[in-house]
Amino acid sequence: MLDALTLATGVTALLLAAWCGWAAYRDQPTKDWHLIGMAVVSLLAVIQLVVGIVQLARGEKPEQGTTIFVAYLLGALACVPAAGLMSLSERTRWGSVTAAAGAVVLAVLEVRLYDIWGG
């Protein structure tokens, strides 16, 4: 895995979590700018998925197993878009809380992906 990409995705997810958490603190729902931030974080997760698949195709192996690695990649790809969709259905501060929670989950998944790969 690319350590810089994993770090960038994790840090960006934490920034998104702080931003959505601030909106929740101010009793605001997610807005279009938050959704754009979620799209950026999701794009980083897509890039990470592609890089991970390419590395597996080249014969590189994660230390803790390919199956768990791919499962975590797919989970990392899905968590922010799923939280974003749920935040759209809840147009209160709790939508912002949901988006922030999804971003925190992505950051934790990034740490776990780093460990699985052998970092």
PDB file of N, CA and C in Angstrom:
ATOM      1  N   MET A   1       0.834  -1.187   0.000  1.00  0.00           N
ATOM      2  CA  MET A   1       0.000   0.000   0.000  1.00  0.00           C
ATOM      3  C   MET A   1       0.876   1.246   0.000  1.00  0.00           C
ATOM      4  N   LEU A   2       0.315   2.289  -0.489  1.00  0.00           N
ATOM      5  CA  LEU A   2       1.004   3.570  -0.452  1.00  0.00           C
ATOM      6  C   LEU A   2       0.726   4.242   0.883  1.00  0.00           C
ATOM      7  N   ASP A   3       1.753   4.373   1.679  1.00  0.00           N
ATOM      8  CA  ASP A   3       1.585   4.967   3.007  1.00  0.00           C
ATOM      9  C   ASP A   3       1.066   6.395   2.930  1.00  0.00           C
ATOM     10  N   ALA A   4       1.544   7.148   1.935  1.00  0.00           N
ATOM     11  CA  ALA A   4       1.115   8.545   1.808  1.00  0.00           C
ATOM     12  C   ALA A   4      -0.378   8.629   1.478  1.00  0.00           C
ATOM     13  N   LEU A   5      -0.858   7.723   0.644  1.00  0.00           N
ATOM     14  CA  LEU A   5      -2.284   7.722   0.301  1.00  0.00           C
ATOM     15  C   LEU A   5      -3.133   7.330   1.502  1.00  0.00           C
ATOM     16  N   THR A   6      -2.675   6.347   2.263  1.00  0.00           N
ATOM     17  CA  THR A   6      -3.398   5.934   3.465  1.00  0.00           C
ATOM     18  C   THR A   6      -3.447   7.075   4.472  1.00  0.00           C
ATOM     19  N   LEU A   7      -2.331   7.755   4.654  1.00  0.00           N
ATOM     20  CA  LEU A   7      -2.280   8.889   5.572  1.00  0.00           C
ATOM     21  C   LEU A   7      -3.173  10.029   5.088  1.00  0.00           C
ATOM     22  N   ALA A   8      -3.112  10.337   3.799  1.00  0.00           N
ATOM     23  CA  ALA A   8      -3.938  11.418   3.255  1.00  0.00           C
ATOM     24  C   ALA A   8      -5.424  11.115   3.401  1.00  0.00           C
ATOM     25  N   THR A   9      -5.802   9.878   3.151  1.00  0.00           N
ATOM     26  CA  THR A   9      -7.213   9.504   3.279  1.00  0.00           C
ATOM     27  C   THR A   9      -7.659   9.589   4.734  1.00  0.00           C
ATOM     28  N   GLY A  10      -6.842   9.107   5.653  1.00  0.00           N
ATOM     29  CA  GLY A  10      -7.191   9.165   7.067  1.00  0.00           C
ATOM     30  C   GLY A  10      -7.289  10.582   7.598  1.00  0.00           C
ATOM     31  N   VAL A  11      -6.330  11.414   7.247  1.00  0.00           N
ATOM     32  CA  VAL A  11      -6.332  12.805   7.726  1.00  0.00           C
ATOM     33  C   VAL A  11      -7.504  13.572   7.116  1.00  0.00           C
ATOM     34  N   THR A  12      -7.763  13.350   5.839  1.00  0.00           N
ATOM     35  CA  THR A  12      -8.890  14.020   5.191  1.00  0.00           C
ATOM     36  C   THR A  12     -10.207  13.586   5.824  1.00  0.00           C
ATOM     37  N   ALA A  13     -10.314  12.308   6.159  1.00  0.00           N
ATOM     38  CA  ALA A  13     -11.522  11.820   6.825  1.00  0.00           C
ATOM     39  C   ALA A  13     -11.689  12.467   8.196  1.00  0.00           C
ATOM     40  N   LEU A  14     -10.603  12.623   8.932  1.00  0.00           N
ATOM     41  CA  LEU A  14     -10.697  13.276  10.244  1.00  0.00           C
ATOM     42  C   LEU A  14     -11.066  14.758  10.113  1.00  0.00           C
ATOM     43  N   LEU A  15     -10.554  15.420   9.094  1.00  0.00           N
ATOM     44  CA  LEU A  15     -10.940  16.814   8.858  1.00  0.00           C
ATOM     45  C   LEU A  15     -12.426  16.914   8.528  1.00  0.00           C
ATOM     46  N   LEU A  16     -12.913  15.976   7.709  1.00  0.00           N
ATOM     47  CA  LEU A  16     -14.341  15.949   7.393  1.00  0.00           C
ATOM     48  C   LEU A  16     -15.167  15.694   8.654  1.00  0.00           C
ATOM     49  N   ALA A  17     -14.693  14.795   9.508  1.00  0.00           N
ATOM     50  CA  ALA A  17     -15.403  14.504  10.751  1.00  0.00           C
ATOM     51  C   ALA A  17     -15.473  15.745  11.643  1.00  0.00           C
ATOM     52  N   ALA A  18     -14.377  16.477  11.725  1.00  0.00           N
ATOM     53  CA  ALA A  18     -14.366  17.696  12.542  1.00  0.00           C
ATOM     54  C   ALA A  18     -15.314  18.746  11.963  1.00  0.00           C
ATOM     55  N   TRP A  19     -15.328  18.866  10.644  1.00  0.00           N
ATOM     56  CA  TRP A  19     -16.179  19.848   9.981  1.00  0.00           C
ATOM     57  C   TRP A  19     -17.660  19.514  10.186  1.00  0.00           C
ATOM     58  N   CYS A  20     -18.015  18.260   9.990  1.00  0.00           N
ATOM     59  CA  CYS A  20     -19.408  17.847  10.196  1.00  0.00           C
ATOM     60  C   CYS A  20     -19.769  17.882  11.681  1.00  0.00           C
ATOM     61  N   GLY A  21     -18.816  17.561  12.539  1.00  0.00           N
ATOM     62  CA  GLY A  21     -19.054  17.666  13.971  1.00  0.00           C
ATOM     63  C   GLY A  21     -19.303  19.101  14.404  1.00  0.00           C
ATOM     64  N   TRP A  22     -18.588  20.038  13.793  1.00  0.00           N
ATOM     65  CA  TRP A  22     -18.799  21.455  14.093  1.00  0.00           C
ATOM     66  C   TRP A  22     -20.196  21.880  13.649  1.00  0.00           C
ATOM     67  N   ALA A  23     -20.634  21.381  12.493  1.00  0.00           N
ATOM     68  CA  ALA A  23     -21.992  21.694  12.033  1.00  0.00           C
ATOM     69  C   ALA A  23     -23.029  21.125  13.005  1.00  0.00           C
ATOM     70  N   ALA A  24     -22.788  19.928  13.498  1.00  0.00           N
ATOM     71  CA  ALA A  24     -23.720  19.328  14.463  1.00  0.00           C
ATOM     72  C   ALA A  24     -23.726  20.135  15.757  1.00  0.00           C
ATOM     73  N   TYR A  25     -22.574  20.584  16.192  1.00  0.00           N
ATOM     74  CA  TYR A  25     -22.484  21.398  17.404  1.00  0.00           C
ATOM     75  C   TYR A  25     -23.292  22.685  17.254  1.00  0.00           C
ATOM     76  N   ARG A  26     -23.286  23.241  16.043  1.00  0.00           N
ATOM     77  CA  ARG A  26     -24.025  24.469  15.768  1.00  0.00           C
ATOM     78  C   ARG A  26     -25.477  24.201  15.392  1.00  0.00           C
ATOM     79  N   ASP A  27     -25.913  22.933  15.537  1.00  0.00           N
ATOM     80  CA  ASP A  27     -27.296  22.529  15.283  1.00  0.00           C
ATOM     81  C   ASP A  27     -27.692  22.734  13.820  1.00  0.00           C
ATOM     82  N   GLN A  28     -26.791  22.344  12.912  1.00  0.00           N
ATOM     83  CA  GLN A  28     -27.048  22.483  11.481  1.00  0.00           C
ATOM     84  C   GLN A  28     -27.015  21.116  10.808  1.00  0.00           C
ATOM     85  N   PRO A  29     -27.827  20.931   9.770  1.00  0.00           N
ATOM     86  CA  PRO A  29     -27.765  19.686   8.999  1.00  0.00           C
ATOM     87  C   PRO A  29     -26.584  19.730   8.031  1.00  0.00           C
ATOM     88  N   THR A  30     -26.329  18.618   7.371  1.00  0.00           N
ATOM     89  CA  THR A  30     -25.291  18.626   6.336  1.00  0.00           C
ATOM     90  C   THR A  30     -25.758  19.504   5.184  1.00  0.00           C
ATOM     91  N   LYS A  31     -24.809  20.209   4.623  1.00  0.00           N
ATOM     92  CA  LYS A  31     -25.108  21.108   3.506  1.00  0.00           C
ATOM     93  C   LYS A  31     -24.343  20.625   2.275  1.00  0.00           C
ATOM     94  N   ASP A  32     -24.529  21.320   1.173  1.00  0.00           N
ATOM     95  CA  ASP A  32     -23.882  20.915  -0.076  1.00  0.00           C
ATOM     96  C   ASP A  32     -22.363  20.864   0.054  1.00  0.00           C
ATOM     97  N   TRP A  33     -21.790  21.790   0.819  1.00  0.00           N
ATOM     98  CA  TRP A  33     -20.332  21.801   0.985  1.00  0.00           C
ATOM     99  C   TRP A  33     -19.855  20.555   1.718  1.00  0.00           C
ATOM    100  N   HIS A  34     -20.646  20.095   2.661  1.00  0.00           N
ATOM    101  CA  HIS A  34     -20.287  18.865   3.366  1.00  0.00           C
ATOM    102  C   HIS A  34     -20.319  17.674   2.409  1.00  0.00           C
ATOM    103  N   LEU A  35     -21.308  17.671   1.534  1.00  0.00           N
ATOM    104  CA  LEU A  35     -21.420  16.576   0.563  1.00  0.00           C
ATOM    105  C   LEU A  35     -20.254  16.588  -0.422  1.00  0.00           C
ATOM    106  N   ILE A  36     -19.787  17.773  -0.778  1.00  0.00           N
ATOM    107  CA  ILE A  36     -18.604  17.865  -1.639  1.00  0.00           C
ATOM    108  C   ILE A  36     -17.387  17.330  -0.902  1.00  0.00           C
ATOM    109  N   GLY A  37     -17.265  17.644   0.374  1.00  0.00           N
ATOM    110  CA  GLY A  37     -16.177  17.086   1.180  1.00  0.00           C
ATOM    111  C   GLY A  37     -16.250  15.573   1.247  1.00  0.00           C
ATOM    112  N   MET A  38     -17.462  15.040   1.402  1.00  0.00           N
ATOM    113  CA  MET A  38     -17.631  13.583   1.410  1.00  0.00           C
ATOM    114  C   MET A  38     -17.234  12.978   0.079  1.00  0.00           C
ATOM    115  N   ALA A  39     -17.527  13.677  -1.011  1.00  0.00           N
ATOM    116  CA  ALA A  39     -17.150  13.186  -2.335  1.00  0.00           C
ATOM    117  C   ALA A  39     -15.628  13.145  -2.491  1.00  0.00           C
ATOM    118  N   VAL A  40     -14.944  14.139  -1.963  1.00  0.00           N
ATOM    119  CA  VAL A  40     -13.473  14.155  -2.033  1.00  0.00           C
ATOM    120  C   VAL A  40     -12.883  12.990  -1.243  1.00  0.00           C
ATOM    121  N   VAL A  41     -13.397  12.784  -0.039  1.00  0.00           N
ATOM    122  CA  VAL A  41     -12.908  11.673   0.785  1.00  0.00           C
ATOM    123  C   VAL A  41     -13.228  10.337   0.118  1.00  0.00           C
ATOM    124  N   SER A  42     -14.409  10.235  -0.475  1.00  0.00           N
ATOM    125  CA  SER A  42     -14.785   8.999  -1.170  1.00  0.00           C
ATOM    126  C   SER A  42     -13.900   8.757  -2.389  1.00  0.00           C
ATOM    127  N   LEU A  43     -13.516   9.827  -3.082  1.00  0.00           N
ATOM    128  CA  LEU A  43     -12.612   9.683  -4.221  1.00  0.00           C
ATOM    129  C   LEU A  43     -11.256   9.144  -3.775  1.00  0.00           C
ATOM    130  N   LEU A  44     -10.764   9.607  -2.644  1.00  0.00           N
ATOM    131  CA  LEU A  44      -9.511   9.067  -2.108  1.00  0.00           C
ATOM    132  C   LEU A  44      -9.652   7.579  -1.775  1.00  0.00           C
ATOM    133  N   ALA A  45     -10.815   7.185  -1.270  1.00  0.00           N
ATOM    134  CA  ALA A  45     -11.048   5.770  -0.963  1.00  0.00           C
ATOM    135  C   ALA A  45     -11.105   4.942  -2.242  1.00  0.00           C
ATOM    136  N   VAL A  46     -11.660   5.499  -3.315  1.00  0.00           N
ATOM    137  CA  VAL A  46     -11.689   4.795  -4.609  1.00  0.00           C
ATOM    138  C   VAL A  46     -10.267   4.626  -5.131  1.00  0.00           C
ATOM    139  N   ILE A  47      -9.475   5.668  -5.047  1.00  0.00           N
ATOM    140  CA  ILE A  47      -8.082   5.587  -5.495  1.00  0.00           C
ATOM    141  C   ILE A  47      -7.332   4.536  -4.680  1.00  0.00           C
ATOM    142  N   GLN A  48      -7.583   4.491  -3.400  1.00  0.00           N
ATOM    143  CA  GLN A  48      -6.932   3.494  -2.551  1.00  0.00           C
ATOM    144  C   GLN A  48      -7.360   2.083  -2.933  1.00  0.00           C
ATOM    145  N   LEU A  49      -8.629   1.903  -3.239  1.00  0.00           N
ATOM    146  CA  LEU A  49      -9.116   0.593  -3.680  1.00  0.00           C
ATOM    147  C   LEU A  49      -8.406   0.157  -4.955  1.00  0.00           C
ATOM    148  N   VAL A  50      -8.289   1.067  -5.907  1.00  0.00           N
ATOM    149  CA  VAL A  50      -7.624   0.740  -7.175  1.00  0.00           C
ATOM    150  C   VAL A  50      -6.156   0.407  -6.940  1.00  0.00           C
ATOM    151  N   VAL A  51      -5.478   1.190  -6.131  1.00  0.00           N
ATOM    152  CA  VAL A  51      -4.068   0.929  -5.834  1.00  0.00           C
ATOM    153  C   VAL A  51      -3.914  -0.422  -5.147  1.00  0.00           C
ATOM    154  N   GLY A  52      -4.784  -0.726  -4.202  1.00  0.00           N
ATOM    155  CA  GLY A  52      -4.722  -2.010  -3.507  1.00  0.00           C
ATOM    156  C   GLY A  52      -4.939  -3.187  -4.439  1.00  0.00           C
ATOM    157  N   ILE A  53      -5.918  -3.070  -5.339  1.00  0.00           N
ATOM    158  CA  ILE A  53      -6.195  -4.151  -6.298  1.00  0.00           C
ATOM    159  C   ILE A  53      -5.015  -4.323  -7.245  1.00  0.00           C
ATOM    160  N   VAL A  54      -4.434  -3.219  -7.695  1.00  0.00           N
ATOM    161  CA  VAL A  54      -3.279  -3.300  -8.603  1.00  0.00           C
ATOM    162  C   VAL A  54      -2.103  -3.970  -7.898  1.00  0.00           C
ATOM    163  N   GLN A  55      -1.874  -3.627  -6.664  1.00  0.00           N
ATOM    164  CA  GLN A  55      -0.766  -4.254  -5.940  1.00  0.00           C
ATOM    165  C   GLN A  55      -1.010  -5.743  -5.735  1.00  0.00           C
ATOM    166  N   LEU A  56      -2.235  -6.122  -5.463  1.00  0.00           N
ATOM    167  CA  LEU A  56      -2.541  -7.547  -5.341  1.00  0.00           C
ATOM    168  C   LEU A  56      -2.353  -8.256  -6.679  1.00  0.00           C
ATOM    169  N   ALA A  57      -2.747  -7.605  -7.756  1.00  0.00           N
ATOM    170  CA  ALA A  57      -2.590  -8.195  -9.089  1.00  0.00           C
ATOM    171  C   ALA A  57      -1.122  -8.342  -9.473  1.00  0.00           C
ATOM    172  N   ARG A  58      -0.268  -7.480  -8.963  1.00  0.00           N
ATOM    173  CA  ARG A  58       1.167  -7.576  -9.244  1.00  0.00           C
ATOM    174  C   ARG A  58       1.856  -8.635  -8.400  1.00  0.00           C
ATOM    175  N   GLY A  59       1.131  -9.258  -7.488  1.00  0.00           N
ATOM    176  CA  GLY A  59       1.695 -10.339  -6.696  1.00  0.00           C
ATOM    177  C   GLY A  59       2.096  -9.967  -5.294  1.00  0.00           C
ATOM    178  N   GLU A  60       1.912  -8.720  -4.902  1.00  0.00           N
ATOM    179  CA  GLU A  60       2.230  -8.326  -3.536  1.00  0.00           C
ATOM    180  C   GLU A  60       1.125  -8.838  -2.613  1.00  0.00           C
ATOM    181  N   LYS A  61       1.515  -9.240  -1.430  1.00  0.00           N
ATOM    182  CA  LYS A  61       0.554  -9.825  -0.494  1.00  0.00           C
ATOM    183  C   LYS A  61       0.564  -9.074   0.836  1.00  0.00           C
ATOM    184  N   PRO A  62      -0.603  -8.818   1.393  1.00  0.00           N
ATOM    185  CA  PRO A  62      -0.655  -8.238   2.735  1.00  0.00           C
ATOM    186  C   PRO A  62      -0.262  -9.282   3.773  1.00  0.00           C
ATOM    187  N   GLU A  63       0.286  -8.815   4.863  1.00  0.00           N
ATOM    188  CA  GLU A  63       0.752  -9.733   5.909  1.00  0.00           C
ATOM    189  C   GLU A  63      -0.370 -10.542   6.539  1.00  0.00           C
ATOM    190  N   GLN A  64      -1.538  -9.952   6.705  1.00  0.00           N
ATOM    191  CA  GLN A  64      -2.612 -10.617   7.430  1.00  0.00           C
ATOM    192  C   GLN A  64      -3.659 -11.255   6.527  1.00  0.00           C
ATOM    193  N   GLY A  65      -3.379 -11.374   5.246  1.00  0.00           N
ATOM    194  CA  GLY A  65      -4.291 -12.088   4.355  1.00  0.00           C
ATOM    195  C   GLY A  65      -4.996 -11.197   3.352  1.00  0.00           C
ATOM    196  N   THR A  66      -5.169 -11.745   2.173  1.00  0.00           N
ATOM    197  CA  THR A  66      -5.776 -10.995   1.083  1.00  0.00           C
ATOM    198  C   THR A  66      -7.266 -10.769   1.305  1.00  0.00           C
ATOM    199  N   THR A  67      -7.958 -11.770   1.802  1.00  0.00           N
ATOM    200  CA  THR A  67      -9.408 -11.654   1.961  1.00  0.00           C
ATOM    201  C   THR A  67      -9.780 -10.539   2.927  1.00  0.00           C
ATOM    202  N   ILE A  68      -9.130 -10.487   4.059  1.00  0.00           N
ATOM    203  CA  ILE A  68      -9.446  -9.443   5.034  1.00  0.00           C
ATOM    204  C   ILE A  68      -9.034  -8.067   4.500  1.00  0.00           C
ATOM    205  N   PHE A  69      -7.945  -8.024   3.741  1.00  0.00           N
ATOM    206  CA  PHE A  69      -7.495  -6.763   3.160  1.00  0.00           C
ATOM    207  C   PHE A  69      -8.530  -6.219   2.182  1.00  0.00           C
ATOM    208  N   VAL A  70      -9.022  -7.067   1.294  1.00  0.00           N
ATOM    209  CA  VAL A  70     -10.024  -6.634   0.320  1.00  0.00           C
ATOM    210  C   VAL A  70     -11.323  -6.247   1.030  1.00  0.00           C
ATOM    211  N   ALA A  71     -11.694  -6.991   2.068  1.00  0.00           N
ATOM    212  CA  ALA A  71     -12.909  -6.649   2.817  1.00  0.00           C
ATOM    213  C   ALA A  71     -12.786  -5.268   3.451  1.00  0.00           C
ATOM    214  N   TYR A  72     -11.644  -4.953   4.015  1.00  0.00           N
ATOM    215  CA  TYR A  72     -11.448  -3.629   4.610  1.00  0.00           C
ATOM    216  C   TYR A  72     -11.409  -2.538   3.542  1.00  0.00           C
ATOM    217  N   LEU A  73     -10.835  -2.830   2.376  1.00  0.00           N
ATOM    218  CA  LEU A  73     -10.849  -1.856   1.285  1.00  0.00           C
ATOM    219  C   LEU A  73     -12.279  -1.536   0.867  1.00  0.00           C
ATOM    220  N   LEU A  74     -13.104  -2.566   0.733  1.00  0.00           N
ATOM    221  CA  LEU A  74     -14.494  -2.346   0.336  1.00  0.00           C
ATOM    222  C   LEU A  74     -15.273  -1.615   1.429  1.00  0.00           C
ATOM    223  N   GLY A  75     -15.002  -1.939   2.677  1.00  0.00           N
ATOM    224  CA  GLY A  75     -15.643  -1.225   3.775  1.00  0.00           C
ATOM    225  C   GLY A  75     -15.247   0.242   3.818  1.00  0.00           C
ATOM    226  N   ALA A  76     -13.965   0.500   3.560  1.00  0.00           N
ATOM    227  CA  ALA A  76     -13.490   1.884   3.527  1.00  0.00           C
ATOM    228  C   ALA A  76     -14.137   2.655   2.383  1.00  0.00           C
ATOM    229  N   LEU A  77     -14.364   1.973   1.281  1.00  0.00           N
ATOM    230  CA  LEU A  77     -15.003   2.615   0.141  1.00  0.00           C
ATOM    231  C   LEU A  77     -16.462   2.952   0.443  1.00  0.00           C
ATOM    232  N   ALA A  78     -17.142   2.117   1.200  1.00  0.00           N
ATOM    233  CA  ALA A  78     -18.582   2.262   1.389  1.00  0.00           C
ATOM    234  C   ALA A  78     -18.991   3.132   2.571  1.00  0.00           C
ATOM    235  N   CYS A  79     -18.144   3.318   3.571  1.00  0.00           N
ATOM    236  CA  CYS A  79     -18.627   3.930   4.817  1.00  0.00           C
ATOM    237  C   CYS A  79     -19.011   5.404   4.662  1.00  0.00           C
ATOM    238  N   VAL A  80     -18.250   6.201   3.972  1.00  0.00           N
ATOM    239  CA  VAL A  80     -18.592   7.624   3.853  1.00  0.00           C
ATOM    240  C   VAL A  80     -19.797   7.840   2.934  1.00  0.00           C
ATOM    241  N   PRO A  81     -19.879   7.186   1.762  1.00  0.00           N
ATOM    242  CA  PRO A  81     -21.102   7.367   0.964  1.00  0.00           C
ATOM    243  C   PRO A  81     -22.370   6.896   1.691  1.00  0.00           C
ATOM    244  N   ALA A  82     -22.271   5.806   2.437  1.00  0.00           N
ATOM    245  CA  ALA A  82     -23.437   5.332   3.193  1.00  0.00           C
ATOM    246  C   ALA A  82     -23.841   6.350   4.256  1.00  0.00           C
ATOM    247  N   ALA A  83     -22.865   6.891   4.956  1.00  0.00           N
ATOM    248  CA  ALA A  83     -23.167   7.915   5.966  1.00  0.00           C
ATOM    249  C   ALA A  83     -23.723   9.173   5.308  1.00  0.00           C
ATOM    250  N   GLY A  84     -23.222   9.511   4.135  1.00  0.00           N
ATOM    251  CA  GLY A  84     -23.734  10.674   3.414  1.00  0.00           C
ATOM    252  C   GLY A  84     -25.183  10.509   3.008  1.00  0.00           C
ATOM    253  N   LEU A  85     -25.527   9.325   2.522  1.00  0.00           N
ATOM    254  CA  LEU A  85     -26.924   9.073   2.152  1.00  0.00           C
ATOM    255  C   LEU A  85     -27.837   9.112   3.373  1.00  0.00           C
ATOM    256  N   MET A  86     -27.366   8.561   4.479  1.00  0.00           N
ATOM    257  CA  MET A  86     -28.177   8.605   5.695  1.00  0.00           C
ATOM    258  C   MET A  86     -28.314  10.032   6.214  1.00  0.00           C
ATOM    259  N   SER A  87     -27.271  10.843   6.042  1.00  0.00           N
ATOM    260  CA  SER A  87     -27.356  12.232   6.509  1.00  0.00           C
ATOM    261  C   SER A  87     -28.328  13.044   5.646  1.00  0.00           C
ATOM    262  N   LEU A  88     -28.479  12.652   4.387  1.00  0.00           N
ATOM    263  CA  LEU A  88     -29.451  13.353   3.541  1.00  0.00           C
ATOM    264  C   LEU A  88     -30.885  13.043   3.951  1.00  0.00           C
ATOM    265  N   SER A  89     -31.101  11.853   4.465  1.00  0.00           N
ATOM    266  CA  SER A  89     -32.461  11.499   4.880  1.00  0.00           C
ATOM    267  C   SER A  89     -32.818  12.119   6.234  1.00  0.00           C
ATOM    268  N   GLU A  90     -31.839  12.536   6.982  1.00  0.00           N
ATOM    269  CA  GLU A  90     -32.060  13.152   8.297  1.00  0.00           C
ATOM    270  C   GLU A  90     -31.562  14.592   8.226  1.00  0.00           C
ATOM    271  N   ARG A  91     -32.453  15.499   7.904  1.00  0.00           N
ATOM    272  CA  ARG A  91     -32.065  16.893   7.685  1.00  0.00           C
ATOM    273  C   ARG A  91     -32.097  17.709   8.981  1.00  0.00           C
ATOM    274  N   THR A  92     -31.499  17.134  10.025  1.00  0.00           N
ATOM    275  CA  THR A  92     -31.329  17.846  11.284  1.00  0.00           C
ATOM    276  C   THR A  92     -29.855  17.762  11.655  1.00  0.00           C
ATOM    277  N   ARG A  93     -29.545  18.187  12.854  1.00  0.00           N
ATOM    278  CA  ARG A  93     -28.156  18.096  13.307  1.00  0.00           C
ATOM    279  C   ARG A  93     -27.680  16.652  13.337  1.00  0.00           C
ATOM    280  N   TRP A  94     -28.612  15.702  13.479  1.00  0.00           N
ATOM    281  CA  TRP A  94     -28.225  14.296  13.556  1.00  0.00           C
ATOM    282  C   TRP A  94     -27.709  13.783  12.211  1.00  0.00           C
ATOM    283  N   GLY A  95     -28.081  14.429  11.144  1.00  0.00           N
ATOM    284  CA  GLY A  95     -27.482  14.105   9.850  1.00  0.00           C
ATOM    285  C   GLY A  95     -26.004  14.452   9.830  1.00  0.00           C
ATOM    286  N   SER A  96     -25.666  15.585  10.440  1.00  0.00           N
ATOM    287  CA  SER A  96     -24.251  15.972  10.543  1.00  0.00           C
ATOM    288  C   SER A  96     -23.489  15.022  11.455  1.00  0.00           C
ATOM    289  N   VAL A  97     -24.142  14.586  12.534  1.00  0.00           N
ATOM    290  CA  VAL A  97     -23.504  13.622  13.433  1.00  0.00           C
ATOM    291  C   VAL A  97     -23.233  12.316  12.695  1.00  0.00           C
ATOM    292  N   THR A  98     -24.187  11.875  11.871  1.00  0.00           N
ATOM    293  CA  THR A  98     -24.023  10.644  11.101  1.00  0.00           C
ATOM    294  C   THR A  98     -22.860  10.769  10.122  1.00  0.00           C
ATOM    295  N   ALA A  99     -22.764  11.892   9.437  1.00  0.00           N
ATOM    296  CA  ALA A  99     -21.661  12.102   8.500  1.00  0.00           C
ATOM    297  C   ALA A  99     -20.320  12.120   9.227  1.00  0.00           C
ATOM    298  N   ALA A 100     -20.280  12.770  10.381  1.00  0.00           N
ATOM    299  CA  ALA A 100     -19.042  12.814  11.164  1.00  0.00           C
ATOM    300  C   ALA A 100     -18.653  11.415  11.630  1.00  0.00           C
ATOM    301  N   ALA A 101     -19.622  10.634  12.062  1.00  0.00           N
ATOM    302  CA  ALA A 101     -19.342   9.270  12.518  1.00  0.00           C
ATOM    303  C   ALA A 101     -18.810   8.404  11.368  1.00  0.00           C
ATOM    304  N   GLY A 102     -19.386   8.549  10.180  1.00  0.00           N
ATOM    305  CA  GLY A 102     -18.894   7.797   9.027  1.00  0.00           C
ATOM    306  C   GLY A 102     -17.453   8.149   8.687  1.00  0.00           C
ATOM    307  N   ALA A 103     -17.103   9.420   8.822  1.00  0.00           N
ATOM    308  CA  ALA A 103     -15.732   9.852   8.549  1.00  0.00           C
ATOM    309  C   ALA A 103     -14.760   9.306   9.597  1.00  0.00           C
ATOM    310  N   VAL A 104     -15.184   9.266  10.851  1.00  0.00           N
ATOM    311  CA  VAL A 104     -14.330   8.694  11.895  1.00  0.00           C
ATOM    312  C   VAL A 104     -14.116   7.200  11.651  1.00  0.00           C
ATOM    313  N   VAL A 105     -15.178   6.516  11.240  1.00  0.00           N
ATOM    314  CA  VAL A 105     -15.052   5.091  10.914  1.00  0.00           C
ATOM    315  C   VAL A 105     -14.048   4.894   9.789  1.00  0.00           C
ATOM    316  N   LEU A 106     -14.074   5.742   8.772  1.00  0.00           N
ATOM    317  CA  LEU A 106     -13.107   5.627   7.683  1.00  0.00           C
ATOM    318  C   LEU A 106     -11.684   5.823   8.190  1.00  0.00           C
ATOM    319  N   ALA A 107     -11.473   6.782   9.058  1.00  0.00           N
ATOM    320  CA  ALA A 107     -10.128   7.003   9.600  1.00  0.00           C
ATOM    321  C   ALA A 107      -9.636   5.783  10.362  1.00  0.00           C
ATOM    322  N   VAL A 108     -10.509   5.150  11.133  1.00  0.00           N
ATOM    323  CA  VAL A 108     -10.132   3.943  11.866  1.00  0.00           C
ATOM    324  C   VAL A 108      -9.839   2.798  10.894  1.00  0.00           C
ATOM    325  N   LEU A 109     -10.640   2.688   9.842  1.00  0.00           N
ATOM    326  CA  LEU A 109     -10.389   1.652   8.834  1.00  0.00           C
ATOM    327  C   LEU A 109      -9.045   1.859   8.137  1.00  0.00           C
ATOM    328  N   GLU A 110      -8.648   3.104   7.957  1.00  0.00           N
ATOM    329  CA  GLU A 110      -7.350   3.384   7.341  1.00  0.00           C
ATOM    330  C   GLU A 110      -6.208   2.884   8.216  1.00  0.00           C
ATOM    331  N   VAL A 111      -6.330   3.083   9.509  1.00  0.00           N
ATOM    332  CA  VAL A 111      -5.307   2.582  10.437  1.00  0.00           C
ATOM    333  C   VAL A 111      -5.260   1.071  10.355  1.00  0.00           C
ATOM    334  N   ARG A 112      -6.408   0.439  10.319  1.00  0.00           N
ATOM    335  CA  ARG A 112      -6.461  -1.013  10.247  1.00  0.00           C
ATOM    336  C   ARG A 112      -5.902  -1.522   8.914  1.00  0.00           C
ATOM    337  N   LEU A 113      -6.189  -0.851   7.816  1.00  0.00           N
ATOM    338  CA  LEU A 113      -5.619  -1.246   6.517  1.00  0.00           C
ATOM    339  C   LEU A 113      -4.100  -1.186   6.548  1.00  0.00           C
ATOM    340  N   TYR A 114      -3.576  -0.150   7.172  1.00  0.00           N
ATOM    341  CA  TYR A 114      -2.126  -0.027   7.309  1.00  0.00           C
ATOM    342  C   TYR A 114      -1.556  -1.218   8.078  1.00  0.00           C
ATOM    343  N   ASP A 115      -2.238  -1.612   9.155  1.00  0.00           N
ATOM    344  CA  ASP A 115      -1.781  -2.765   9.950  1.00  0.00           C
ATOM    345  C   ASP A 115      -1.894  -4.058   9.157  1.00  0.00           C
ATOM    346  N   ILE A 116      -2.974  -4.250   8.433  1.00  0.00           N
ATOM    347  CA  ILE A 116      -3.169  -5.479   7.671  1.00  0.00           C
ATOM    348  C   ILE A 116      -2.095  -5.625   6.601  1.00  0.00           C
ATOM    349  N   TRP A 117      -1.753  -4.530   5.952  1.00  0.00           N
ATOM    350  CA  TRP A 117      -0.762  -4.595   4.891  1.00  0.00           C
ATOM    351  C   TRP A 117       0.623  -4.911   5.457  1.00  0.00           C
ATOM    352  N   GLY A 118       0.856  -4.539   6.681  1.00  0.00           N
ATOM    353  CA  GLY A 118       2.135  -4.842   7.301  1.00  0.00           C
ATOM    354  C   GLY A 118       2.928  -3.622   7.676  1.00  0.00           C
ATOM    355  N   GLY A 119       2.247  -2.561   7.958  1.00  0.00           N
ATOM    356  CA  GLY A 119       2.887  -1.291   8.262  1.00  0.00           C
ATOM    357  C   GLY A 119       3.384  -1.164   9.624  1.00  0.00           C
TER     358      GLY A 119
END
